[in-house]
Amino acid sequence: MTDKDLDIEFQNAVNRVNAYTEPFPADTLLKLYAYYKKATNDYGRPKSKKPIINAFKTNALFQAKNISEDEAKRMYIDLVNNYFLYRK
């Protein structure tokens, strides 16, 4: 898979998540958040108005700190594909 293919597949996965109207489980959302931030090289601080949510997001980012941008894109794509494959 080329970098361009990976970028296209990643953007398709992001669009799929954004178009989905049902709530995601919290653990899935946190992984999606962390992988997205790593994949897009966005290291801004979490911006929730609730400190507990910022703490969970910061922890998710910390857990993903040692993965590359491309690896984060692949993990995001896999998480999205598996979620939609196995959802009820």
C-alpha atoms as a PDB file:
ATOM      1  CA  MET A   1       0.000   0.000   0.000  1.00  0.00           C
ATOM      2  CA  THR A   2       1.414   3.390  -0.961  1.00  0.00           C
ATOM      3  CA  ASP A   3       1.322   6.444   1.279  1.00  0.00           C
ATOM      4  CA  LYS A   4      -1.385   7.893  -0.957  1.00  0.00           C
ATOM      5  CA  ASP A   5      -3.487   4.720  -0.659  1.00  0.00           C
ATOM      6  CA  LEU A   6      -3.065   4.789   3.112  1.00  0.00           C
ATOM      7  CA  ASP A   7      -4.122   8.450   3.240  1.00  0.00           C
ATOM      8  CA  ILE A   8      -7.213   7.737   1.125  1.00  0.00           C
ATOM      9  CA  GLU A   9      -8.191   4.730   3.227  1.00  0.00           C
ATOM     10  CA  PHE A  10      -7.611   6.740   6.420  1.00  0.00           C
ATOM     11  CA  GLN A  11      -9.782   9.612   5.175  1.00  0.00           C
ATOM     12  CA  ASN A  12     -12.516   7.141   4.192  1.00  0.00           C
ATOM     13  CA  ALA A  13     -12.430   5.702   7.721  1.00  0.00           C
ATOM     14  CA  VAL A  14     -12.604   9.209   9.230  1.00  0.00           C
ATOM     15  CA  ASN A  15     -15.579  10.052   7.003  1.00  0.00           C
ATOM     16  CA  ARG A  16     -17.284   6.822   8.029  1.00  0.00           C
ATOM     17  CA  VAL A  17     -16.893   7.672  11.719  1.00  0.00           C
ATOM     18  CA  ASN A  18     -18.089  11.248  11.202  1.00  0.00           C
ATOM     19  CA  ALA A  19     -21.164  10.071   9.270  1.00  0.00           C
ATOM     20  CA  TYR A  20     -22.182   7.517  11.911  1.00  0.00           C
ATOM     21  CA  THR A  21     -24.947   8.887  14.123  1.00  0.00           C
ATOM     22  CA  GLU A  22     -25.061   6.260  16.881  1.00  0.00           C
ATOM     23  CA  PRO A  23     -22.851   6.702  19.953  1.00  0.00           C
ATOM     24  CA  PHE A  24     -19.564   4.810  20.033  1.00  0.00           C
ATOM     25  CA  PRO A  25     -18.422   2.991  23.190  1.00  0.00           C
ATOM     26  CA  ALA A  26     -16.141   5.214  25.281  1.00  0.00           C
ATOM     27  CA  ASP A  27     -13.098   2.957  24.907  1.00  0.00           C
ATOM     28  CA  THR A  28     -13.488   2.951  21.115  1.00  0.00           C
ATOM     29  CA  LEU A  29     -13.879   6.731  21.033  1.00  0.00           C
ATOM     30  CA  LEU A  30     -10.709   7.222  23.065  1.00  0.00           C
ATOM     31  CA  LYS A  31      -8.702   4.962  20.761  1.00  0.00           C
ATOM     32  CA  LEU A  32     -10.118   6.719  17.691  1.00  0.00           C
ATOM     33  CA  TYR A  33      -9.200  10.053  19.255  1.00  0.00           C
ATOM     34  CA  ALA A  34      -5.628   9.025  20.060  1.00  0.00           C
ATOM     35  CA  TYR A  35      -4.990   7.368  16.690  1.00  0.00           C
ATOM     36  CA  TYR A  36      -6.480  10.340  14.830  1.00  0.00           C
ATOM     37  CA  LYS A  37      -4.327  12.806  16.748  1.00  0.00           C
ATOM     38  CA  LYS A  38      -1.178  10.739  16.067  1.00  0.00           C
ATOM     39  CA  ALA A  39      -2.112  10.149  12.413  1.00  0.00           C
ATOM     40  CA  THR A  40      -2.675  13.849  11.768  1.00  0.00           C
ATOM     41  CA  ASN A  41       0.284  14.995  13.875  1.00  0.00           C
ATOM     42  CA  ASP A  42      -2.051  17.136  16.008  1.00  0.00           C
ATOM     43  CA  TYR A  43      -0.632  17.493  19.488  1.00  0.00           C
ATOM     44  CA  GLY A  44      -2.968  20.180  20.780  1.00  0.00           C
ATOM     45  CA  ARG A  45      -4.288  19.695  24.276  1.00  0.00           C
ATOM     46  CA  PRO A  46      -7.740  18.122  24.731  1.00  0.00           C
ATOM     47  CA  LYS A  47     -10.398  20.822  24.745  1.00  0.00           C
ATOM     48  CA  SER A  48     -13.304  19.308  26.652  1.00  0.00           C
ATOM     49  CA  LYS A  49     -15.009  21.473  29.257  1.00  0.00           C
ATOM     50  CA  LYS A  50     -14.954  18.455  31.580  1.00  0.00           C
ATOM     51  CA  PRO A  51     -11.572  17.805  33.272  1.00  0.00           C
ATOM     52  CA  ILE A  52     -12.274  14.056  33.543  1.00  0.00           C
ATOM     53  CA  ILE A  53     -12.714  13.776  29.762  1.00  0.00           C
ATOM     54  CA  ASN A  54      -9.474  15.683  29.204  1.00  0.00           C
ATOM     55  CA  ALA A  55      -7.748  13.264  31.579  1.00  0.00           C
ATOM     56  CA  PHE A  56      -9.037  10.232  29.653  1.00  0.00           C
ATOM     57  CA  LYS A  57      -8.010  11.797  26.327  1.00  0.00           C
ATOM     58  CA  THR A  58      -4.554  12.660  27.658  1.00  0.00           C
ATOM     59  CA  ASN A  59      -4.147   9.086  28.891  1.00  0.00           C
ATOM     60  CA  ALA A  60      -5.214   7.700  25.494  1.00  0.00           C
ATOM     61  CA  LEU A  61      -2.649   9.928  23.780  1.00  0.00           C
ATOM     62  CA  PHE A  62       0.019   8.798  26.233  1.00  0.00           C
ATOM     63  CA  GLN A  63      -0.758   5.143  25.441  1.00  0.00           C
ATOM     64  CA  ALA A  64      -0.304   5.866  21.717  1.00  0.00           C
ATOM     65  CA  LYS A  65       2.882   7.916  22.102  1.00  0.00           C
ATOM     66  CA  ASN A  66       5.251   5.361  20.571  1.00  0.00           C
ATOM     67  CA  ILE A  67       3.422   4.745  17.304  1.00  0.00           C
ATOM     68  CA  SER A  68       4.222   6.454  14.013  1.00  0.00           C
ATOM     69  CA  GLU A  69       1.776   8.491  11.941  1.00  0.00           C
ATOM     70  CA  ASP A  70       1.400   5.694   9.388  1.00  0.00           C
ATOM     71  CA  GLU A  71       0.948   3.085  12.112  1.00  0.00           C
ATOM     72  CA  ALA A  72      -1.695   5.293  13.742  1.00  0.00           C
ATOM     73  CA  LYS A  73      -3.528   5.552  10.413  1.00  0.00           C
ATOM     74  CA  ARG A  74      -3.473   1.767  10.016  1.00  0.00           C
ATOM     75  CA  MET A  75      -4.676   1.242  13.596  1.00  0.00           C
ATOM     76  CA  TYR A  76      -7.473   3.786  13.097  1.00  0.00           C
ATOM     77  CA  ILE A  77      -8.554   2.077   9.851  1.00  0.00           C
ATOM     78  CA  ASP A  78      -8.470  -1.371  11.485  1.00  0.00           C
ATOM     79  CA  LEU A  79     -10.438  -0.169  14.503  1.00  0.00           C
ATOM     80  CA  VAL A  80     -13.118   1.401  12.290  1.00  0.00           C
ATOM     81  CA  ASN A  81     -13.347  -1.632  10.002  1.00  0.00           C
ATOM     82  CA  ASN A  82     -13.598  -4.050  12.932  1.00  0.00           C
ATOM     83  CA  TYR A  83     -16.133  -1.878  14.746  1.00  0.00           C
ATOM     84  CA  PHE A  84     -18.478  -1.740  11.772  1.00  0.00           C
ATOM     85  CA  LEU A  85     -17.907  -5.411  10.966  1.00  0.00           C
ATOM     86  CA  TYR A  86     -18.893  -6.595  14.450  1.00  0.00           C
ATOM     87  CA  ARG A  87     -21.422  -4.012  15.618  1.00  0.00           C
ATOM     88  CA  LYS A  88     -24.896  -5.212  16.432  1.00  0.00           C
END
